[in-house]
Amino acid sequence: MRPVERRWSCVALSSCTEARESRMSVHSKLEPARRTDRKRVLMMGTVISCGGSHRVRIRDFSNKGAQIVAESALEAKCDVLLKRGDLCAAAYVAWVKGDEVGLTFYRQIPPEDLAGI
């Protein structure tokens, strides 16, 4: 068997490039990189919201916020309390992607309080 030789015309290549470029998104404003040191953890906690109390796994946290995994649904853009041991922090649900939730604390947590978690 002889290998099949493929020849591409300039028109075919340019239309492929145009199709690929039309699928790309252009961002006018890039978000600055996070400058907060996040501590990766895997611990249980409780989130208290208007809908009740929810058991959560805390994936990471910093003095400004936390990423959690909720066992039950939480609404975005609502206020909650995150409890873990002696720590109780008022937070805002910044985003929800499936069962993953991003919290932003209303007040920064002092490093000595984070060390005790």
N, C-alpha and C. Protein backbone atom coordinates (compact mmCIF):
# COMPACT_ATOMS: atom_id res chain seq x y z
N MET A 1 0.83 -1.18 0.00
CA MET A 1 0.00 0.00 0.00
C MET A 1 0.87 1.24 0.00
N ARG A 2 0.43 2.17 -0.73
CA ARG A 2 1.14 3.43 -0.81
C ARG A 2 0.49 4.43 0.12
N PRO A 3 1.27 5.20 0.93
CA PRO A 3 0.65 6.18 1.81
C PRO A 3 -0.07 7.26 1.01
N VAL A 4 -1.17 7.68 1.57
CA VAL A 4 -1.97 8.72 0.92
C VAL A 4 -1.34 10.07 1.22
N GLU A 5 -1.10 10.81 0.19
CA GLU A 5 -0.50 12.13 0.36
C GLU A 5 -1.63 13.15 0.48
N ARG A 6 -1.57 13.96 1.53
CA ARG A 6 -2.60 14.98 1.71
C ARG A 6 -2.04 16.33 1.32
N ARG A 7 -2.82 17.03 0.59
CA ARG A 7 -2.42 18.38 0.19
C ARG A 7 -3.48 19.34 0.71
N TRP A 8 -3.01 20.36 1.37
CA TRP A 8 -3.92 21.36 1.92
C TRP A 8 -3.81 22.62 1.10
N SER A 9 -4.93 23.14 0.77
CA SER A 9 -4.91 24.41 0.04
C SER A 9 -4.85 25.55 1.03
N CYS A 10 -4.39 26.69 0.60
CA CYS A 10 -4.33 27.87 1.47
C CYS A 10 -5.72 28.25 1.94
N VAL A 11 -6.71 28.06 1.11
CA VAL A 11 -8.08 28.42 1.47
C VAL A 11 -8.56 27.53 2.61
N ALA A 12 -8.28 26.24 2.53
CA ALA A 12 -8.71 25.31 3.58
C ALA A 12 -8.02 25.63 4.90
N LEU A 13 -6.72 25.93 4.84
CA LEU A 13 -6.00 26.26 6.06
C LEU A 13 -6.48 27.56 6.67
N SER A 14 -6.75 28.55 5.86
CA SER A 14 -7.20 29.83 6.41
C SER A 14 -8.58 29.71 7.03
N SER A 15 -9.45 28.88 6.44
CA SER A 15 -10.78 28.72 7.04
C SER A 15 -10.69 27.97 8.36
N CYS A 16 -9.75 27.02 8.49
CA CYS A 16 -9.55 26.33 9.77
C CYS A 16 -9.07 27.30 10.83
N THR A 17 -8.13 28.15 10.46
CA THR A 17 -7.61 29.14 11.40
C THR A 17 -8.70 30.10 11.83
N GLU A 18 -9.50 30.56 10.88
CA GLU A 18 -10.59 31.48 11.21
C GLU A 18 -11.60 30.83 12.14
N ALA A 19 -11.91 29.56 11.90
CA ALA A 19 -12.87 28.85 12.76
C ALA A 19 -12.32 28.71 14.16
N ARG A 20 -11.02 28.40 14.27
CA ARG A 20 -10.40 28.25 15.58
C ARG A 20 -10.39 29.58 16.31
N GLU A 21 -10.06 30.67 15.61
CA GLU A 21 -10.01 31.98 16.24
C GLU A 21 -11.38 32.45 16.70
N SER A 22 -12.43 32.06 15.98
CA SER A 22 -13.77 32.49 16.36
C SER A 22 -14.23 31.83 17.65
N ARG A 23 -13.63 30.68 18.01
CA ARG A 23 -13.98 30.00 19.26
C ARG A 23 -13.21 30.55 20.45
N MET A 24 -12.16 31.29 20.21
CA MET A 24 -11.36 31.85 21.30
C MET A 24 -12.09 33.03 21.92
N SER A 25 -11.89 33.20 23.20
CA SER A 25 -12.48 34.37 23.85
C SER A 25 -11.38 35.38 24.13
N VAL A 26 -11.76 36.62 24.10
CA VAL A 26 -10.81 37.69 24.35
C VAL A 26 -11.24 38.39 25.62
N HIS A 27 -10.35 38.48 26.58
CA HIS A 27 -10.65 39.12 27.85
C HIS A 27 -10.07 40.53 27.84
N SER A 28 -10.91 41.49 28.09
CA SER A 28 -10.41 42.85 28.10
C SER A 28 -9.72 43.19 29.40
N LYS A 29 -10.07 42.49 30.48
CA LYS A 29 -9.47 42.77 31.77
C LYS A 29 -9.04 41.46 32.42
N LEU A 30 -7.77 41.34 32.67
CA LEU A 30 -7.27 40.15 33.33
C LEU A 30 -7.26 40.38 34.83
N GLU A 31 -7.70 39.38 35.56
CA GLU A 31 -7.70 39.48 37.01
C GLU A 31 -6.28 39.37 37.54
N PRO A 32 -5.93 40.17 38.53
CA PRO A 32 -4.59 40.05 39.10
C PRO A 32 -4.44 38.72 39.83
N ALA A 33 -3.22 38.21 39.85
CA ALA A 33 -2.96 36.95 40.54
C ALA A 33 -3.22 37.10 42.03
N ARG A 34 -3.70 36.03 42.64
CA ARG A 34 -3.93 36.06 44.08
C ARG A 34 -2.61 36.24 44.81
N ARG A 35 -2.60 37.11 45.76
CA ARG A 35 -1.39 37.34 46.53
C ARG A 35 -1.53 36.80 47.95
N THR A 36 -2.67 36.22 48.25
CA THR A 36 -2.92 35.67 49.57
C THR A 36 -2.35 34.27 49.66
N ASP A 37 -1.61 33.99 50.72
CA ASP A 37 -1.12 32.64 50.94
C ASP A 37 -2.27 31.77 51.40
N ARG A 38 -2.54 30.73 50.64
CA ARG A 38 -3.60 29.80 51.00
C ARG A 38 -2.98 28.55 51.58
N LYS A 39 -3.62 28.05 52.61
CA LYS A 39 -3.15 26.83 53.26
C LYS A 39 -4.06 25.69 52.84
N ARG A 40 -3.50 24.68 52.18
CA ARG A 40 -4.27 23.53 51.74
C ARG A 40 -4.54 22.63 52.95
N VAL A 41 -5.79 22.33 53.17
CA VAL A 41 -6.18 21.48 54.29
C VAL A 41 -7.31 20.57 53.84
N LEU A 42 -7.64 19.62 54.65
CA LEU A 42 -8.82 18.79 54.42
C LEU A 42 -9.39 18.51 55.79
N MET A 43 -10.33 19.38 56.19
CA MET A 43 -10.93 19.24 57.51
C MET A 43 -12.42 19.54 57.43
N MET A 44 -13.15 19.07 58.41
CA MET A 44 -14.59 19.29 58.44
C MET A 44 -14.91 20.58 59.18
N GLY A 45 -16.02 21.18 58.82
CA GLY A 45 -16.50 22.38 59.47
C GLY A 45 -18.00 22.47 59.30
N THR A 46 -18.56 23.58 59.74
CA THR A 46 -20.00 23.82 59.62
C THR A 46 -20.22 25.21 59.06
N VAL A 47 -21.13 25.32 58.12
CA VAL A 47 -21.55 26.61 57.59
C VAL A 47 -23.00 26.81 58.01
N ILE A 48 -23.27 27.96 58.61
CA ILE A 48 -24.63 28.31 59.01
C ILE A 48 -25.13 29.40 58.08
N SER A 49 -26.24 29.12 57.41
CA SER A 49 -26.83 30.09 56.48
C SER A 49 -28.30 30.28 56.85
N CYS A 50 -28.98 31.10 56.09
CA CYS A 50 -30.43 31.29 56.31
C CYS A 50 -31.18 29.98 56.11
N GLY A 51 -30.63 29.10 55.27
CA GLY A 51 -31.27 27.82 55.00
C GLY A 51 -30.98 26.75 56.03
N GLY A 52 -30.16 27.06 57.02
CA GLY A 52 -29.85 26.08 58.06
C GLY A 52 -28.37 25.82 58.18
N SER A 53 -28.05 24.72 58.84
CA SER A 53 -26.67 24.33 59.11
C SER A 53 -26.23 23.29 58.08
N HIS A 54 -25.02 23.43 57.55
CA HIS A 54 -24.50 22.53 56.52
C HIS A 54 -23.13 22.03 56.94
N ARG A 55 -22.92 20.71 56.86
CA ARG A 55 -21.58 20.16 57.08
C ARG A 55 -20.77 20.40 55.82
N VAL A 56 -19.53 20.83 55.98
CA VAL A 56 -18.68 21.13 54.84
C VAL A 56 -17.28 20.58 55.07
N ARG A 57 -16.57 20.36 53.98
CA ARG A 57 -15.13 20.05 54.02
C ARG A 57 -14.41 21.32 53.62
N ILE A 58 -13.46 21.73 54.40
CA ILE A 58 -12.67 22.92 54.10
C ILE A 58 -11.46 22.45 53.30
N ARG A 59 -11.33 22.93 52.06
CA ARG A 59 -10.22 22.52 51.20
C ARG A 59 -8.99 23.39 51.41
N ASP A 60 -9.20 24.70 51.45
CA ASP A 60 -8.10 25.60 51.73
C ASP A 60 -8.66 26.86 52.37
N PHE A 61 -7.78 27.58 53.03
CA PHE A 61 -8.21 28.83 53.64
C PHE A 61 -7.03 29.79 53.74
N SER A 62 -7.37 31.04 53.88
CA SER A 62 -6.38 32.09 54.11
C SER A 62 -7.01 33.04 55.11
N ASN A 63 -6.34 34.13 55.37
CA ASN A 63 -6.93 35.10 56.30
C ASN A 63 -8.07 35.88 55.66
N LYS A 64 -8.25 35.75 54.34
CA LYS A 64 -9.30 36.49 53.63
C LYS A 64 -10.47 35.63 53.16
N GLY A 65 -10.31 34.31 53.13
CA GLY A 65 -11.40 33.48 52.64
C GLY A 65 -11.08 32.00 52.70
N ALA A 66 -12.00 31.21 52.16
CA ALA A 66 -11.84 29.75 52.17
C ALA A 66 -12.55 29.14 50.98
N GLN A 67 -12.07 27.97 50.57
CA GLN A 67 -12.77 27.17 49.58
C GLN A 67 -13.28 25.94 50.30
N ILE A 68 -14.57 25.67 50.15
CA ILE A 68 -15.19 24.55 50.85
C ILE A 68 -15.95 23.68 49.86
N VAL A 69 -16.25 22.47 50.31
CA VAL A 69 -17.12 21.55 49.56
C VAL A 69 -18.32 21.29 50.45
N ALA A 70 -19.50 21.64 49.97
CA ALA A 70 -20.73 21.53 50.76
C ALA A 70 -21.45 20.23 50.43
N GLU A 71 -21.96 19.57 51.46
CA GLU A 71 -22.73 18.35 51.26
C GLU A 71 -24.13 18.65 50.74
N SER A 72 -24.63 19.86 51.03
CA SER A 72 -25.92 20.30 50.50
C SER A 72 -25.74 21.67 49.85
N ALA A 73 -26.66 22.02 48.99
CA ALA A 73 -26.52 23.23 48.18
C ALA A 73 -26.52 24.52 49.01
N LEU A 74 -25.62 25.42 48.62
CA LEU A 74 -25.58 26.77 49.19
C LEU A 74 -25.83 27.76 48.07
N GLU A 75 -26.47 28.86 48.39
CA GLU A 75 -26.75 29.88 47.39
C GLU A 75 -25.59 30.86 47.30
N ALA A 76 -25.29 31.29 46.08
CA ALA A 76 -24.26 32.30 45.88
C ALA A 76 -24.79 33.66 46.35
N LYS A 77 -23.89 34.52 46.72
CA LYS A 77 -24.18 35.89 47.11
C LYS A 77 -25.05 35.99 48.36
N CYS A 78 -24.80 35.11 49.32
CA CYS A 78 -25.52 35.20 50.59
C CYS A 78 -24.50 35.21 51.73
N ASP A 79 -24.94 35.58 52.90
CA ASP A 79 -24.09 35.64 54.08
C ASP A 79 -24.16 34.34 54.85
N VAL A 80 -23.01 33.91 55.38
CA VAL A 80 -22.94 32.67 56.14
C VAL A 80 -21.96 32.85 57.30
N LEU A 81 -21.98 31.89 58.20
CA LEU A 81 -20.97 31.79 59.25
C LEU A 81 -20.23 30.48 59.04
N LEU A 82 -18.90 30.53 59.05
CA LEU A 82 -18.08 29.33 58.95
C LEU A 82 -17.55 29.02 60.34
N LYS A 83 -17.84 27.81 60.83
CA LYS A 83 -17.39 27.39 62.16
C LYS A 83 -16.47 26.20 62.03
N ARG A 84 -15.34 26.29 62.73
CA ARG A 84 -14.40 25.18 62.82
C ARG A 84 -13.68 25.33 64.16
N GLY A 85 -13.94 24.43 65.10
CA GLY A 85 -13.34 24.54 66.42
C GLY A 85 -13.75 25.83 67.10
N ASP A 86 -12.77 26.59 67.59
CA ASP A 86 -13.05 27.87 68.23
C ASP A 86 -13.26 29.01 67.25
N LEU A 87 -12.97 28.77 65.97
CA LEU A 87 -13.09 29.81 64.95
C LEU A 87 -14.52 29.93 64.46
N CYS A 88 -15.02 31.15 64.42
CA CYS A 88 -16.34 31.44 63.84
C CYS A 88 -16.18 32.71 63.02
N ALA A 89 -16.31 32.61 61.69
CA ALA A 89 -16.05 33.75 60.81
C ALA A 89 -17.26 34.06 59.94
N ALA A 90 -17.66 35.33 59.94
CA ALA A 90 -18.74 35.78 59.05
C ALA A 90 -18.17 35.89 57.64
N ALA A 91 -18.90 35.36 56.66
CA ALA A 91 -18.40 35.33 55.29
C ALA A 91 -19.52 35.57 54.29
N TYR A 92 -19.10 35.85 53.08
CA TYR A 92 -19.97 36.07 51.93
C TYR A 92 -19.69 34.95 50.94
N VAL A 93 -20.73 34.32 50.40
CA VAL A 93 -20.54 33.27 49.40
C VAL A 93 -20.26 33.97 48.07
N ALA A 94 -18.99 33.96 47.67
CA ALA A 94 -18.56 34.68 46.47
C ALA A 94 -18.92 33.93 45.20
N TRP A 95 -18.81 32.59 45.22
CA TRP A 95 -19.12 31.79 44.03
C TRP A 95 -19.50 30.37 44.44
N VAL A 96 -20.25 29.73 43.56
CA VAL A 96 -20.64 28.33 43.74
C VAL A 96 -20.47 27.64 42.40
N LYS A 97 -19.71 26.54 42.38
CA LYS A 97 -19.54 25.71 41.18
C LYS A 97 -19.81 24.28 41.59
N GLY A 98 -21.03 23.83 41.37
CA GLY A 98 -21.42 22.48 41.80
C GLY A 98 -21.45 22.42 43.32
N ASP A 99 -20.64 21.52 43.90
CA ASP A 99 -20.61 21.44 45.36
C ASP A 99 -19.45 22.24 45.96
N GLU A 100 -18.65 22.88 45.11
CA GLU A 100 -17.54 23.72 45.58
C GLU A 100 -18.02 25.15 45.78
N VAL A 101 -17.57 25.75 46.88
CA VAL A 101 -18.04 27.09 47.26
C VAL A 101 -16.85 27.93 47.68
N GLY A 102 -16.82 29.17 47.22
CA GLY A 102 -15.78 30.12 47.62
C GLY A 102 -16.35 31.12 48.60
N LEU A 103 -15.71 31.25 49.76
CA LEU A 103 -16.14 32.19 50.79
C LEU A 103 -15.14 33.34 50.89
N THR A 104 -15.65 34.54 51.09
CA THR A 104 -14.83 35.71 51.37
C THR A 104 -15.20 36.20 52.76
N PHE A 105 -14.21 36.24 53.66
CA PHE A 105 -14.48 36.68 55.02
C PHE A 105 -14.70 38.19 55.06
N TYR A 106 -15.62 38.63 55.92
CA TYR A 106 -15.88 40.06 56.06
C TYR A 106 -14.73 40.76 56.78
N ARG A 107 -14.09 40.07 57.70
CA ARG A 107 -12.91 40.61 58.39
C ARG A 107 -11.77 39.62 58.24
N GLN A 108 -10.58 40.15 58.03
CA GLN A 108 -9.43 39.24 57.94
C GLN A 108 -9.22 38.54 59.26
N ILE A 109 -8.87 37.27 59.18
CA ILE A 109 -8.64 36.48 60.38
C ILE A 109 -7.17 36.63 60.78
N PRO A 110 -6.91 36.98 62.02
CA PRO A 110 -5.50 37.11 62.47
C PRO A 110 -4.76 35.78 62.33
N PRO A 111 -3.47 35.85 61.98
CA PRO A 111 -2.68 34.62 61.80
C PRO A 111 -2.68 33.71 63.03
N GLU A 112 -2.71 34.29 64.22
CA GLU A 112 -2.69 33.44 65.43
C GLU A 112 -4.00 32.64 65.56
N ASP A 113 -5.10 33.18 65.04
CA ASP A 113 -6.36 32.42 65.06
C ASP A 113 -6.35 31.30 64.01
N LEU A 114 -5.71 31.57 62.88
CA LEU A 114 -5.61 30.54 61.83
C LEU A 114 -4.70 29.41 62.26
N ALA A 115 -3.68 29.72 63.03
CA ALA A 115 -2.72 28.69 63.46
C ALA A 115 -3.38 27.66 64.35
N GLY A 116 -4.44 28.04 65.05
CA GLY A 116 -5.12 27.13 65.95
C GLY A 116 -6.09 26.18 65.30
N ILE A 117 -6.28 26.32 64.01
CA ILE A 117 -7.26 25.46 63.32
C ILE A 117 -6.68 24.10 63.06
